[in-house]
Amino acid sequence: MDTVLKEPLQLTDTNASEHDLQFTKNGSHLYYLSDDGIDSNYHRMTKNNPSEFWWNTTETTHHPVTSGPKPKSSLQLSPNEKHIAYIEYPGNIIIAKPDGSEPNL
């Protein structure tokens, strides 16, 4: 295992601000909020090579989890990770599947 500290590895390449990071328990996915100043939506990142550590990975796949112009915040995974919840402006709590499908108020 490579444990030598090195330069940070950038996993995204956009003009947006990416923050509000949340790893799944098994480390297979990383959720993040991408805010470009116009839209604010969550995405789910997956390593293309699952055997790599996040700090060594060179290729990832990004899937949008939410869409639309309403700002979102405070994403949380359910304890069994079968659902996600987040707040959508003006304060609606949305519950959906981990891939963002079937969103419900």
PDB file of N, CA and C in Angstrom:
ATOM      1  N   MET A   1       0.844  -1.170   0.000  1.00  0.00           N
ATOM      2  CA  MET A   1       0.000   0.000   0.000  1.00  0.00           C
ATOM      3  C   MET A   1       0.892   1.236   0.000  1.00  0.00           C
ATOM      4  N   ASP A   2       0.575   2.171  -0.880  1.00  0.00           N
ATOM      5  CA  ASP A   2       1.323   3.414  -0.989  1.00  0.00           C
ATOM      6  C   ASP A   2       0.830   4.389   0.075  1.00  0.00           C
ATOM      7  N   THR A   3       1.629   4.613   1.108  1.00  0.00           N
ATOM      8  CA  THR A   3       1.217   5.511   2.184  1.00  0.00           C
ATOM      9  C   THR A   3       2.075   6.763   2.264  1.00  0.00           C
ATOM     10  N   VAL A   4       2.944   6.980   1.292  1.00  0.00           N
ATOM     11  CA  VAL A   4       3.786   8.158   1.271  1.00  0.00           C
ATOM     12  C   VAL A   4       2.947   9.361   0.863  1.00  0.00           C
ATOM     13  N   LEU A   5       2.996  10.429   1.661  1.00  0.00           N
ATOM     14  CA  LEU A   5       2.238  11.635   1.339  1.00  0.00           C
ATOM     15  C   LEU A   5       2.814  12.291   0.094  1.00  0.00           C
ATOM     16  N   LYS A   6       1.926  12.657  -0.819  1.00  0.00           N
ATOM     17  CA  LYS A   6       2.330  13.276  -2.075  1.00  0.00           C
ATOM     18  C   LYS A   6       1.446  14.476  -2.327  1.00  0.00           C
ATOM     19  N   GLU A   7       1.582  15.065  -3.483  1.00  0.00           N
ATOM     20  CA  GLU A   7       0.733  16.188  -3.864  1.00  0.00           C
ATOM     21  C   GLU A   7      -0.722  15.717  -3.929  1.00  0.00           C
ATOM     22  N   PRO A   8      -1.675  16.610  -3.609  1.00  0.00           N
ATOM     23  CA  PRO A   8      -3.090  16.242  -3.704  1.00  0.00           C
ATOM     24  C   PRO A   8      -3.463  15.847  -5.126  1.00  0.00           C
ATOM     25  N   LEU A   9      -4.406  14.937  -5.247  1.00  0.00           N
ATOM     26  CA  LEU A   9      -4.883  14.464  -6.536  1.00  0.00           C
ATOM     27  C   LEU A   9      -6.256  15.077  -6.794  1.00  0.00           C
ATOM     28  N   GLN A  10      -6.376  15.838  -7.856  1.00  0.00           N
ATOM     29  CA  GLN A  10      -7.646  16.459  -8.199  1.00  0.00           C
ATOM     30  C   GLN A  10      -8.521  15.446  -8.924  1.00  0.00           C
ATOM     31  N   LEU A  11      -9.723  15.219  -8.388  1.00  0.00           N
ATOM     32  CA  LEU A  11     -10.622  14.224  -8.957  1.00  0.00           C
ATOM     33  C   LEU A  11     -11.678  14.818  -9.882  1.00  0.00           C
ATOM     34  N   THR A  12     -11.808  16.137  -9.900  1.00  0.00           N
ATOM     35  CA  THR A  12     -12.765  16.792 -10.786  1.00  0.00           C
ATOM     36  C   THR A  12     -12.025  17.826 -11.622  1.00  0.00           C
ATOM     37  N   ASP A  13     -12.621  18.193 -12.728  1.00  0.00           N
ATOM     38  CA  ASP A  13     -11.996  19.176 -13.609  1.00  0.00           C
ATOM     39  C   ASP A  13     -13.080  20.081 -14.194  1.00  0.00           C
ATOM     40  N   THR A  14     -13.646  20.926 -13.336  1.00  0.00           N
ATOM     41  CA  THR A  14     -14.704  21.834 -13.771  1.00  0.00           C
ATOM     42  C   THR A  14     -14.406  23.232 -13.229  1.00  0.00           C
ATOM     43  N   ASN A  15     -15.181  24.189 -13.667  1.00  0.00           N
ATOM     44  CA  ASN A  15     -15.079  25.543 -13.135  1.00  0.00           C
ATOM     45  C   ASN A  15     -15.942  25.734 -11.896  1.00  0.00           C
ATOM     46  N   ALA A  16     -16.670  24.693 -11.506  1.00  0.00           N
ATOM     47  CA  ALA A  16     -17.571  24.775 -10.360  1.00  0.00           C
ATOM     48  C   ALA A  16     -16.806  24.574  -9.054  1.00  0.00           C
ATOM     49  N   SER A  17     -17.433  24.995  -7.984  1.00  0.00           N
ATOM     50  CA  SER A  17     -16.934  24.723  -6.639  1.00  0.00           C
ATOM     51  C   SER A  17     -17.523  23.390  -6.198  1.00  0.00           C
ATOM     52  N   GLU A  18     -16.667  22.440  -5.872  1.00  0.00           N
ATOM     53  CA  GLU A  18     -17.141  21.130  -5.415  1.00  0.00           C
ATOM     54  C   GLU A  18     -16.845  20.988  -3.932  1.00  0.00           C
ATOM     55  N   HIS A  19     -17.884  20.706  -3.165  1.00  0.00           N
ATOM     56  CA  HIS A  19     -17.746  20.602  -1.714  1.00  0.00           C
ATOM     57  C   HIS A  19     -18.847  19.703  -1.157  1.00  0.00           C
ATOM     58  N   ASP A  20     -19.000  19.675   0.163  1.00  0.00           N
ATOM     59  CA  ASP A  20     -20.001  18.847   0.848  1.00  0.00           C
ATOM     60  C   ASP A  20     -19.789  17.370   0.488  1.00  0.00           C
ATOM     61  N   LEU A  21     -18.575  16.883   0.718  1.00  0.00           N
ATOM     62  CA  LEU A  21     -18.192  15.515   0.344  1.00  0.00           C
ATOM     63  C   LEU A  21     -18.738  14.483   1.321  1.00  0.00           C
ATOM     64  N   GLN A  22     -19.130  13.338   0.787  1.00  0.00           N
ATOM     65  CA  GLN A  22     -19.642  12.251   1.617  1.00  0.00           C
ATOM     66  C   GLN A  22     -19.270  10.927   0.966  1.00  0.00           C
ATOM     67  N   PHE A  23     -18.436  10.133   1.656  1.00  0.00           N
ATOM     68  CA  PHE A  23     -18.087   8.795   1.177  1.00  0.00           C
ATOM     69  C   PHE A  23     -19.137   7.793   1.643  1.00  0.00           C
ATOM     70  N   THR A  24     -19.385   6.769   0.834  1.00  0.00           N
ATOM     71  CA  THR A  24     -20.198   5.656   1.304  1.00  0.00           C
ATOM     72  C   THR A  24     -19.364   4.856   2.294  1.00  0.00           C
ATOM     73  N   LYS A  25     -20.023   4.043   3.121  1.00  0.00           N
ATOM     74  CA  LYS A  25     -19.312   3.280   4.149  1.00  0.00           C
ATOM     75  C   LYS A  25     -18.229   2.378   3.576  1.00  0.00           C
ATOM     76  N   ASN A  26     -18.519   1.732   2.458  1.00  0.00           N
ATOM     77  CA  ASN A  26     -17.534   0.810   1.871  1.00  0.00           C
ATOM     78  C   ASN A  26     -16.535   1.525   0.956  1.00  0.00           C
ATOM     79  N   GLY A  27     -16.681   2.835   0.811  1.00  0.00           N
ATOM     80  CA  GLY A  27     -15.729   3.612   0.026  1.00  0.00           C
ATOM     81  C   GLY A  27     -15.880   3.476  -1.481  1.00  0.00           C
ATOM     82  N   SER A  28     -16.956   2.877  -1.948  1.00  0.00           N
ATOM     83  CA  SER A  28     -17.114   2.671  -3.390  1.00  0.00           C
ATOM     84  C   SER A  28     -17.557   3.935  -4.128  1.00  0.00           C
ATOM     85  N   HIS A  29     -18.220   4.853  -3.429  1.00  0.00           N
ATOM     86  CA  HIS A  29     -18.721   6.083  -4.052  1.00  0.00           C
ATOM     87  C   HIS A  29     -18.360   7.288  -3.199  1.00  0.00           C
ATOM     88  N   LEU A  30     -18.268   8.421  -3.875  1.00  0.00           N
ATOM     89  CA  LEU A  30     -18.063   9.702  -3.220  1.00  0.00           C
ATOM     90  C   LEU A  30     -19.119  10.660  -3.750  1.00  0.00           C
ATOM     91  N   TYR A  31     -19.967  11.170  -2.858  1.00  0.00           N
ATOM     92  CA  TYR A  31     -20.960  12.166  -3.238  1.00  0.00           C
ATOM     93  C   TYR A  31     -20.358  13.549  -3.025  1.00  0.00           C
ATOM     94  N   TYR A  32     -20.679  14.486  -3.912  1.00  0.00           N
ATOM     95  CA  TYR A  32     -20.206  15.858  -3.739  1.00  0.00           C
ATOM     96  C   TYR A  32     -21.203  16.821  -4.367  1.00  0.00           C
ATOM     97  N   LEU A  33     -21.207  18.032  -3.841  1.00  0.00           N
ATOM     98  CA  LEU A  33     -22.064  19.085  -4.357  1.00  0.00           C
ATOM     99  C   LEU A  33     -21.258  19.932  -5.324  1.00  0.00           C
ATOM    100  N   SER A  34     -21.753  20.084  -6.527  1.00  0.00           N
ATOM    101  CA  SER A  34     -21.095  20.902  -7.550  1.00  0.00           C
ATOM    102  C   SER A  34     -21.917  22.170  -7.736  1.00  0.00           C
ATOM    103  N   ASP A  35     -21.299  23.312  -7.445  1.00  0.00           N
ATOM    104  CA  ASP A  35     -21.989  24.599  -7.513  1.00  0.00           C
ATOM    105  C   ASP A  35     -21.235  25.515  -8.467  1.00  0.00           C
ATOM    106  N   ASP A  36     -21.838  25.792  -9.624  1.00  0.00           N
ATOM    107  CA  ASP A  36     -21.178  26.648 -10.621  1.00  0.00           C
ATOM    108  C   ASP A  36     -21.661  28.094 -10.561  1.00  0.00           C
ATOM    109  N   GLY A  37     -22.413  28.453  -9.519  1.00  0.00           N
ATOM    110  CA  GLY A  37     -22.933  29.805  -9.378  1.00  0.00           C
ATOM    111  C   GLY A  37     -24.304  29.978  -9.995  1.00  0.00           C
ATOM    112  N   ILE A  38     -24.715  29.029 -10.819  1.00  0.00           N
ATOM    113  CA  ILE A  38     -26.048  29.056 -11.430  1.00  0.00           C
ATOM    114  C   ILE A  38     -26.857  27.871 -10.907  1.00  0.00           C
ATOM    115  N   ASP A  39     -26.299  26.678 -11.024  1.00  0.00           N
ATOM    116  CA  ASP A  39     -26.937  25.464 -10.526  1.00  0.00           C
ATOM    117  C   ASP A  39     -26.093  24.858  -9.413  1.00  0.00           C
ATOM    118  N   SER A  40     -26.768  24.203  -8.503  1.00  0.00           N
ATOM    119  CA  SER A  40     -26.110  23.539  -7.383  1.00  0.00           C
ATOM    120  C   SER A  40     -26.700  22.139  -7.293  1.00  0.00           C
ATOM    121  N   ASN A  41     -25.930  21.124  -7.712  1.00  0.00           N
ATOM    122  CA  ASN A  41     -26.445  19.763  -7.754  1.00  0.00           C
ATOM    123  C   ASN A  41     -25.431  18.764  -7.235  1.00  0.00           C
ATOM    124  N   TYR A  42     -25.965  17.665  -6.701  1.00  0.00           N
ATOM    125  CA  TYR A  42     -25.114  16.587  -6.199  1.00  0.00           C
ATOM    126  C   TYR A  42     -24.746  15.623  -7.322  1.00  0.00           C
ATOM    127  N   HIS A  43     -23.546  15.079  -7.200  1.00  0.00           N
ATOM    128  CA  HIS A  43     -23.036  14.078  -8.127  1.00  0.00           C
ATOM    129  C   HIS A  43     -22.470  12.917  -7.324  1.00  0.00           C
ATOM    130  N   ARG A  44     -22.400  11.761  -7.954  1.00  0.00           N
ATOM    131  CA  ARG A  44     -21.802  10.575  -7.323  1.00  0.00           C
ATOM    132  C   ARG A  44     -20.626  10.135  -8.180  1.00  0.00           C
ATOM    133  N   MET A  45     -19.480  10.061  -7.559  1.00  0.00           N
ATOM    134  CA  MET A  45     -18.248   9.669  -8.242  1.00  0.00           C
ATOM    135  C   MET A  45     -17.918   8.223  -7.885  1.00  0.00           C
ATOM    136  N   THR A  46     -17.473   7.476  -8.900  1.00  0.00           N
ATOM    137  CA  THR A  46     -17.067   6.090  -8.729  1.00  0.00           C
ATOM    138  C   THR A  46     -15.696   5.903  -9.351  1.00  0.00           C
ATOM    139  N   LYS A  47     -14.845   5.138  -8.675  1.00  0.00           N
ATOM    140  CA  LYS A  47     -13.527   4.830  -9.246  1.00  0.00           C
ATOM    141  C   LYS A  47     -13.713   3.808 -10.364  1.00  0.00           C
ATOM    142  N   ASN A  48     -13.051   4.016 -11.486  1.00  0.00           N
ATOM    143  CA  ASN A  48     -13.135   3.048 -12.579  1.00  0.00           C
ATOM    144  C   ASN A  48     -12.420   1.749 -12.229  1.00  0.00           C
ATOM    145  N   ASN A  49     -11.406   1.825 -11.378  1.00  0.00           N
ATOM    146  CA  ASN A  49     -10.706   0.645 -10.889  1.00  0.00           C
ATOM    147  C   ASN A  49     -10.983   0.533  -9.397  1.00  0.00           C
ATOM    148  N   PRO A  50     -11.961  -0.304  -8.988  1.00  0.00           N
ATOM    149  CA  PRO A  50     -12.358  -0.375  -7.583  1.00  0.00           C
ATOM    150  C   PRO A  50     -11.238  -0.804  -6.630  1.00  0.00           C
ATOM    151  N   SER A  51     -10.208  -1.453  -7.133  1.00  0.00           N
ATOM    152  CA  SER A  51      -9.134  -1.913  -6.250  1.00  0.00           C
ATOM    153  C   SER A  51      -8.165  -0.791  -5.867  1.00  0.00           C
ATOM    154  N   GLU A  52      -8.227   0.340  -6.566  1.00  0.00           N
ATOM    155  CA  GLU A  52      -7.360   1.466  -6.237  1.00  0.00           C
ATOM    156  C   GLU A  52      -7.895   2.219  -5.019  1.00  0.00           C
ATOM    157  N   PHE A  53      -6.976   2.830  -4.271  1.00  0.00           N
ATOM    158  CA  PHE A  53      -7.384   3.724  -3.202  1.00  0.00           C
ATOM    159  C   PHE A  53      -7.763   5.060  -3.831  1.00  0.00           C
ATOM    160  N   TRP A  54      -8.617   5.824  -3.137  1.00  0.00           N
ATOM    161  CA  TRP A  54      -9.039   7.107  -3.684  1.00  0.00           C
ATOM    162  C   TRP A  54      -7.859   8.026  -3.958  1.00  0.00           C
ATOM    163  N   TRP A  55      -6.823   7.970  -3.124  1.00  0.00           N
ATOM    164  CA  TRP A  55      -5.686   8.876  -3.324  1.00  0.00           C
ATOM    165  C   TRP A  55      -4.751   8.416  -4.439  1.00  0.00           C
ATOM    166  N   ASN A  56      -4.993   7.235  -5.001  1.00  0.00           N
ATOM    167  CA  ASN A  56      -4.186   6.739  -6.113  1.00  0.00           C
ATOM    168  C   ASN A  56      -4.941   6.662  -7.430  1.00  0.00           C
ATOM    169  N   THR A  57      -6.251   6.802  -7.377  1.00  0.00           N
ATOM    170  CA  THR A  57      -7.060   6.594  -8.578  1.00  0.00           C
ATOM    171  C   THR A  57      -6.773   7.668  -9.633  1.00  0.00           C
ATOM    172  N   THR A  58      -6.802   7.269 -10.872  1.00  0.00           N
ATOM    173  CA  THR A  58      -6.553   8.207 -11.964  1.00  0.00           C
ATOM    174  C   THR A  58      -7.772   8.386 -12.849  1.00  0.00           C
ATOM    175  N   GLU A  59      -8.718   7.463 -12.791  1.00  0.00           N
ATOM    176  CA  GLU A  59      -9.910   7.556 -13.628  1.00  0.00           C
ATOM    177  C   GLU A  59     -11.153   7.349 -12.787  1.00  0.00           C
ATOM    178  N   THR A  60     -12.096   8.273 -12.928  1.00  0.00           N
ATOM    179  CA  THR A  60     -13.351   8.194 -12.197  1.00  0.00           C
ATOM    180  C   THR A  60     -14.512   8.461 -13.144  1.00  0.00           C
ATOM    181  N   THR A  61     -15.683   8.033 -12.726  1.00  0.00           N
ATOM    182  CA  THR A  61     -16.914   8.283 -13.458  1.00  0.00           C
ATOM    183  C   THR A  61     -17.817   9.122 -12.567  1.00  0.00           C
ATOM    184  N   HIS A  62     -18.424  10.148 -13.134  1.00  0.00           N
ATOM    185  CA  HIS A  62     -19.286  11.062 -12.397  1.00  0.00           C
ATOM    186  C   HIS A  62     -20.713  10.937 -12.919  1.00  0.00           C
ATOM    187  N   HIS A  63     -21.658  10.721 -12.004  1.00  0.00           N
ATOM    188  CA  HIS A  63     -23.068  10.619 -12.370  1.00  0.00           C
ATOM    189  C   HIS A  63     -23.852  11.686 -11.617  1.00  0.00           C
ATOM    190  N   PRO A  64     -24.671  12.480 -12.309  1.00  0.00           N
ATOM    191  CA  PRO A  64     -25.508  13.434 -11.592  1.00  0.00           C
ATOM    192  C   PRO A  64     -26.551  12.709 -10.746  1.00  0.00           C
ATOM    193  N   VAL A  65     -26.739  13.161  -9.534  1.00  0.00           N
ATOM    194  CA  VAL A  65     -27.720  12.577  -8.626  1.00  0.00           C
ATOM    195  C   VAL A  65     -28.956  13.471  -8.550  1.00  0.00           C
ATOM    196  N   THR A  66     -28.749  14.779  -8.632  1.00  0.00           N
ATOM    197  CA  THR A  66     -29.858  15.731  -8.637  1.00  0.00           C
ATOM    198  C   THR A  66     -29.749  16.603  -9.885  1.00  0.00           C
ATOM    199  N   SER A  67     -30.821  17.308 -10.175  1.00  0.00           N
ATOM    200  CA  SER A  67     -30.807  18.231 -11.311  1.00  0.00           C
ATOM    201  C   SER A  67     -31.740  19.390 -10.997  1.00  0.00           C
ATOM    202  N   GLY A  68     -31.674  20.395 -11.826  1.00  0.00           N
ATOM    203  CA  GLY A  68     -32.561  21.538 -11.669  1.00  0.00           C
ATOM    204  C   GLY A  68     -31.872  22.717 -11.014  1.00  0.00           C
ATOM    205  N   PRO A  69     -32.491  23.900 -11.132  1.00  0.00           N
ATOM    206  CA  PRO A  69     -31.857  25.130 -10.669  1.00  0.00           C
ATOM    207  C   PRO A  69     -31.974  25.399  -9.172  1.00  0.00           C
ATOM    208  N   LYS A  70     -32.846  24.697  -8.448  1.00  0.00           N
ATOM    209  CA  LYS A  70     -33.016  24.971  -7.022  1.00  0.00           C
ATOM    210  C   LYS A  70     -31.774  24.534  -6.245  1.00  0.00           C
ATOM    211  N   PRO A  71     -31.252  25.400  -5.369  1.00  0.00           N
ATOM    212  CA  PRO A  71     -30.081  25.030  -4.570  1.00  0.00           C
ATOM    213  C   PRO A  71     -30.370  23.833  -3.663  1.00  0.00           C
ATOM    214  N   LYS A  72     -29.358  22.997  -3.496  1.00  0.00           N
ATOM    215  CA  LYS A  72     -29.453  21.817  -2.640  1.00  0.00           C
ATOM    216  C   LYS A  72     -28.347  21.862  -1.602  1.00  0.00           C
ATOM    217  N   SER A  73     -28.571  21.176  -0.473  1.00  0.00           N
ATOM    218  CA  SER A  73     -27.556  21.138   0.575  1.00  0.00           C
ATOM    219  C   SER A  73     -27.792  19.954   1.495  1.00  0.00           C
ATOM    220  N   SER A  74     -26.811  19.675   2.331  1.00  0.00           N
ATOM    221  CA  SER A  74     -26.917  18.755   3.474  1.00  0.00           C
ATOM    222  C   SER A  74     -27.252  17.315   3.097  1.00  0.00           C
ATOM    223  N   LEU A  75     -26.621  16.783   2.061  1.00  0.00           N
ATOM    224  CA  LEU A  75     -26.870  15.392   1.676  1.00  0.00           C
ATOM    225  C   LEU A  75     -26.447  14.451   2.795  1.00  0.00           C
ATOM    226  N   GLN A  76     -27.287  13.459   3.071  1.00  0.00           N
ATOM    227  CA  GLN A  76     -26.993  12.417   4.057  1.00  0.00           C
ATOM    228  C   GLN A  76     -27.401  11.076   3.487  1.00  0.00           C
ATOM    229  N   LEU A  77     -26.611  10.065   3.784  1.00  0.00           N
ATOM    230  CA  LEU A  77     -26.954   8.692   3.419  1.00  0.00           C
ATOM    231  C   LEU A  77     -27.714   8.058   4.569  1.00  0.00           C
ATOM    232  N   SER A  78     -28.705   7.218   4.257  1.00  0.00           N
ATOM    233  CA  SER A  78     -29.399   6.495   5.318  1.00  0.00           C
ATOM    234  C   SER A  78     -28.427   5.487   5.931  1.00  0.00           C
ATOM    235  N   PRO A  79     -28.669   5.034   7.160  1.00  0.00           N
ATOM    236  CA  PRO A  79     -27.736   4.091   7.797  1.00  0.00           C
ATOM    237  C   PRO A  79     -27.458   2.834   6.968  1.00  0.00           C
ATOM    238  N   ASN A  80     -28.461   2.345   6.237  1.00  0.00           N
ATOM    239  CA  ASN A  80     -28.246   1.153   5.401  1.00  0.00           C
ATOM    240  C   ASN A  80     -27.838   1.525   3.970  1.00  0.00           C
ATOM    241  N   GLU A  81     -27.704   2.831   3.708  1.00  0.00           N
ATOM    242  CA  GLU A  81     -27.274   3.382   2.418  1.00  0.00           C
ATOM    243  C   GLU A  81     -28.184   3.019   1.251  1.00  0.00           C
ATOM    244  N   LYS A  82     -29.453   2.730   1.549  1.00  0.00           N
ATOM    245  CA  LYS A  82     -30.411   2.437   0.491  1.00  0.00           C
ATOM    246  C   LYS A  82     -31.160   3.686   0.034  1.00  0.00           C
ATOM    247  N   HIS A  83     -30.934   4.808   0.743  1.00  0.00           N
ATOM    248  CA  HIS A  83     -31.560   6.075   0.386  1.00  0.00           C
ATOM    249  C   HIS A  83     -30.599   7.220   0.703  1.00  0.00           C
ATOM    250  N   ILE A  84     -30.848   8.334   0.035  1.00  0.00           N
ATOM    251  CA  ILE A  84     -30.169   9.578   0.376  1.00  0.00           C
ATOM    252  C   ILE A  84     -31.249  10.593   0.722  1.00  0.00           C
ATOM    253  N   ALA A  85     -30.871  11.580   1.491  1.00  0.00           N
ATOM    254  CA  ALA A  85     -31.771  12.692   1.795  1.00  0.00           C
ATOM    255  C   ALA A  85     -30.970  13.972   1.644  1.00  0.00           C
ATOM    256  N   TYR A  86     -31.617  15.011   1.151  1.00  0.00           N
ATOM    257  CA  TYR A  86     -30.976  16.311   1.022  1.00  0.00           C
ATOM    258  C   TYR A  86     -32.050  17.386   1.107  1.00  0.00           C
ATOM    259  N   ILE A  87     -31.611  18.599   1.338  1.00  0.00           N
ATOM    260  CA  ILE A  87     -32.527  19.727   1.413  1.00  0.00           C
ATOM    261  C   ILE A  87     -32.480  20.469   0.088  1.00  0.00           C
ATOM    262  N   GLU A  88     -33.667  20.756  -0.434  1.00  0.00           N
ATOM    263  CA  GLU A  88     -33.791  21.528  -1.673  1.00  0.00           C
ATOM    264  C   GLU A  88     -34.555  22.806  -1.355  1.00  0.00           C
ATOM    265  N   TYR A  89     -34.024  23.941  -1.829  1.00  0.00           N
ATOM    266  CA  TYR A  89     -34.643  25.230  -1.573  1.00  0.00           C
ATOM    267  C   TYR A  89     -36.119  25.181  -1.917  1.00  0.00           C
ATOM    268  N   PRO A  90     -36.994  25.711  -1.090  1.00  0.00           N
ATOM    269  CA  PRO A  90     -36.823  26.601   0.050  1.00  0.00           C
ATOM    270  C   PRO A  90     -36.823  25.893   1.397  1.00  0.00           C
ATOM    271  N   GLY A  91     -36.440  24.654   1.482  1.00  0.00           N
ATOM    272  CA  GLY A  91     -36.392  23.932   2.749  1.00  0.00           C
ATOM    273  C   GLY A  91     -37.084  22.578   2.674  1.00  0.00           C
ATOM    274  N   ASN A  92     -37.327  22.094   1.463  1.00  0.00           N
ATOM    275  CA  ASN A  92     -37.950  20.783   1.290  1.00  0.00           C
ATOM    276  C   ASN A  92     -36.927  19.680   1.515  1.00  0.00           C
ATOM    277  N   ILE A  93     -37.296  18.670   2.286  1.00  0.00           N
ATOM    278  CA  ILE A  93     -36.433  17.504   2.473  1.00  0.00           C
ATOM    279  C   ILE A  93     -36.811  16.486   1.409  1.00  0.00           C
ATOM    280  N   ILE A  94     -35.852  16.112   0.600  1.00  0.00           N
ATOM    281  CA  ILE A  94     -36.062  15.156  -0.493  1.00  0.00           C
ATOM    282  C   ILE A  94     -35.392  13.844  -0.113  1.00  0.00           C
ATOM    283  N   ILE A  95     -36.095  12.737  -0.304  1.00  0.00           N
ATOM    284  CA  ILE A  95     -35.544  11.403  -0.085  1.00  0.00           C
ATOM    285  C   ILE A  95     -35.578  10.674  -1.418  1.00  0.00           C
ATOM    286  N   ALA A  96     -34.445  10.043  -1.783  1.00  0.00           N
ATOM    287  CA  ALA A  96     -34.341   9.372  -3.085  1.00  0.00           C
ATOM    288  C   ALA A  96     -33.477   8.134  -2.942  1.00  0.00           C
ATOM    289  N   LYS A  97     -33.429   7.344  -3.995  1.00  0.00           N
ATOM    290  CA  LYS A  97     -32.502   6.222  -4.048  1.00  0.00           C
ATOM    291  C   LYS A  97     -31.075   6.788  -4.189  1.00  0.00           C
ATOM    292  N   PRO A  98     -30.050   5.995  -3.895  1.00  0.00           N
ATOM    293  CA  PRO A  98     -28.668   6.513  -3.946  1.00  0.00           C
ATOM    294  C   PRO A  98     -28.256   7.091  -5.287  1.00  0.00           C
ATOM    295  N   ASP A  99     -28.881   6.663  -6.378  1.00  0.00           N
ATOM    296  CA  ASP A  99     -28.532   7.208  -7.688  1.00  0.00           C
ATOM    297  C   ASP A  99     -29.357   8.449  -8.024  1.00  0.00           C
ATOM    298  N   GLY A 100     -30.200   8.888  -7.083  1.00  0.00           N
ATOM    299  CA  GLY A 100     -31.028  10.077  -7.284  1.00  0.00           C
ATOM    300  C   GLY A 100     -32.384   9.794  -7.867  1.00  0.00           C
ATOM    301  N   SER A 101     -32.651   8.550  -8.236  1.00  0.00           N
ATOM    302  CA  SER A 101     -33.942   8.226  -8.832  1.00  0.00           C
ATOM    303  C   SER A 101     -35.031   8.195  -7.746  1.00  0.00           C
ATOM    304  N   GLU A 102     -36.249   8.317  -8.171  1.00  0.00           N
ATOM    305  CA  GLU A 102     -37.446   8.301  -7.320  1.00  0.00           C
ATOM    306  C   GLU A 102     -37.384   9.320  -6.168  1.00  0.00           C
ATOM    307  N   PRO A 103     -37.101  10.598  -6.493  1.00  0.00           N
ATOM    308  CA  PRO A 103     -37.088  11.607  -5.424  1.00  0.00           C
ATOM    309  C   PRO A 103     -38.490  11.874  -4.896  1.00  0.00           C
ATOM    310  N   ASN A 104     -38.636  11.937  -3.579  1.00  0.00           N
ATOM    311  CA  ASN A 104     -39.916  12.192  -2.934  1.00  0.00           C
ATOM    312  C   ASN A 104     -39.753  13.280  -1.887  1.00  0.00           C
ATOM    313  N   LEU A 105     -40.775  14.102  -1.762  1.00  0.00           N
ATOM    314  CA  LEU A 105     -40.812  15.139  -0.724  1.00  0.00           C
ATOM    315  C   LEU A 105     -41.096  14.520   0.606  1.00  0.00           C
TER     316      LEU A 105
END
